[in-house]
Amino acid sequence: MAITEKQIRDALKGVKDPELGLDLVVLGLVYDIEIDEDDVKATISLTSPMCPVAGQIVEDVRQAIQGVDGVQSADVQLTFDPPWTPERMSPLVRASLGL
């Protein structure tokens, strides 16, 4: 069975931003997901380039992707281009955070 982007996004909902306590998908930090048979590449960002736990978040993303049935390898790229802004979140989430 082919791996889907939805499966990957669902797995990434388990990875939380430690400061905001919300998952990377809800925060709009997952920029791109590429699936090539059983290899997955995810491009993510963080709320701040100075995030002290960036390495742990990248590793958590890698592990979450590798936990999806059928995934052989997970490559996680961190980018700040374009920089993340709260506008990447849904209006409902922004409103609940008072942004």
Protein backbone atom coordinates (compact mmCIF):
# COMPACT_ATOMS: atom_id res chain seq x y z
CA MET A 1 0.00 0.00 0.00
CA ALA A 2 1.33 3.41 -0.97
CA ILE A 3 2.31 5.90 1.71
CA THR A 4 0.15 9.03 1.60
CA GLU A 5 0.79 12.63 2.59
CA LYS A 6 -2.19 12.37 4.95
CA GLN A 7 -0.50 9.49 6.81
CA ILE A 8 2.65 11.55 7.20
CA ARG A 9 0.76 14.67 8.34
CA ASP A 10 -1.23 12.57 10.81
CA ALA A 11 2.02 11.20 12.24
CA LEU A 12 3.46 14.71 12.50
CA LYS A 13 0.47 15.81 14.56
CA GLY A 14 2.21 13.95 17.39
CA VAL A 15 5.20 16.31 17.30
CA LYS A 16 4.57 19.36 19.46
CA ASP A 17 6.24 22.73 19.63
CA PRO A 18 7.38 22.76 23.27
CA GLU A 19 6.75 26.48 23.74
CA LEU A 20 3.24 26.65 22.30
CA GLY A 21 2.16 23.07 23.07
CA LEU A 22 0.59 22.69 19.62
CA ASP A 23 1.60 20.26 16.91
CA LEU A 24 3.70 21.25 13.91
CA VAL A 25 0.88 20.65 11.43
CA VAL A 26 -1.59 22.93 13.24
CA LEU A 27 1.11 25.60 13.55
CA GLY A 28 1.81 25.50 9.81
CA LEU A 29 5.42 24.45 10.35
CA VAL A 30 5.29 21.58 7.83
CA TYR A 31 6.21 23.26 4.55
CA ASP A 32 6.50 20.28 2.21
CA ILE A 33 6.27 16.50 2.11
CA GLU A 34 7.73 14.47 -0.75
CA ILE A 35 7.11 10.74 -1.00
CA ASP A 36 9.15 8.53 -3.33
CA GLU A 37 7.81 5.00 -2.83
CA ASP A 38 9.02 4.20 0.72
CA ASP A 39 11.29 7.23 1.17
CA VAL A 40 9.87 10.42 2.68
CA LYS A 41 11.39 13.89 2.74
CA ALA A 42 9.79 16.55 4.91
CA THR A 43 10.69 20.22 4.92
CA ILE A 44 9.78 21.94 8.16
CA SER A 45 10.39 25.22 9.91
CA LEU A 46 10.34 26.39 13.50
CA THR A 47 8.66 29.35 15.13
CA SER A 48 12.10 30.87 15.72
CA PRO A 49 15.53 30.33 14.14
CA MET A 50 16.94 30.56 17.67
CA CYS A 51 14.88 27.62 18.95
CA PRO A 52 17.01 25.89 21.61
CA VAL A 53 15.41 22.48 20.93
CA ALA A 54 15.62 22.56 17.12
CA GLY A 55 17.70 19.38 16.97
CA GLN A 56 15.22 17.49 19.14
CA ILE A 57 12.25 18.65 17.06
CA VAL A 58 13.97 17.54 13.83
CA GLU A 59 14.69 14.14 15.41
CA ASP A 60 11.09 13.85 16.68
CA VAL A 61 9.84 14.57 13.14
CA ARG A 62 12.19 11.94 11.70
CA GLN A 63 11.01 9.35 14.21
CA ALA A 64 7.34 10.18 13.64
CA ILE A 65 7.74 9.72 9.89
CA GLN A 66 9.68 6.48 10.32
CA GLY A 67 6.85 5.23 12.52
CA VAL A 68 4.46 5.29 9.55
CA ASP A 69 3.89 1.80 8.20
CA GLY A 70 5.92 1.22 5.04
CA VAL A 71 8.39 4.09 5.43
CA GLN A 72 12.00 2.95 4.94
CA SER A 73 13.77 6.29 5.28
CA ALA A 74 12.89 9.76 6.51
CA ASP A 75 14.88 12.85 5.55
CA VAL A 76 14.00 16.01 7.46
CA GLN A 77 15.13 19.38 6.15
CA LEU A 78 14.90 22.49 8.30
CA THR A 79 14.30 25.79 6.52
CA PHE A 80 13.58 29.37 7.43
CA ASP A 81 12.75 30.41 3.87
CA PRO A 82 10.12 31.69 3.95
CA PRO A 83 10.24 32.56 7.63
CA TRP A 84 7.36 31.20 9.67
CA THR A 85 4.70 33.67 10.77
CA PRO A 86 1.45 33.09 12.67
CA GLU A 87 -0.43 33.66 9.39
CA ARG A 88 0.54 30.07 8.45
CA MET A 89 -1.90 28.87 11.14
CA SER A 90 -5.62 28.66 10.59
CA PRO A 91 -7.57 31.75 11.73
CA LEU A 92 -9.33 29.67 14.38
CA VAL A 93 -6.04 28.56 15.96
CA ARG A 94 -4.64 32.11 15.81
CA ALA A 95 -7.75 33.42 17.53
CA SER A 96 -7.55 30.78 20.26
CA LEU A 97 -3.95 31.86 20.95
CA GLY A 98 -4.92 35.53 20.92
CA LEU A 99 -2.84 36.29 17.81
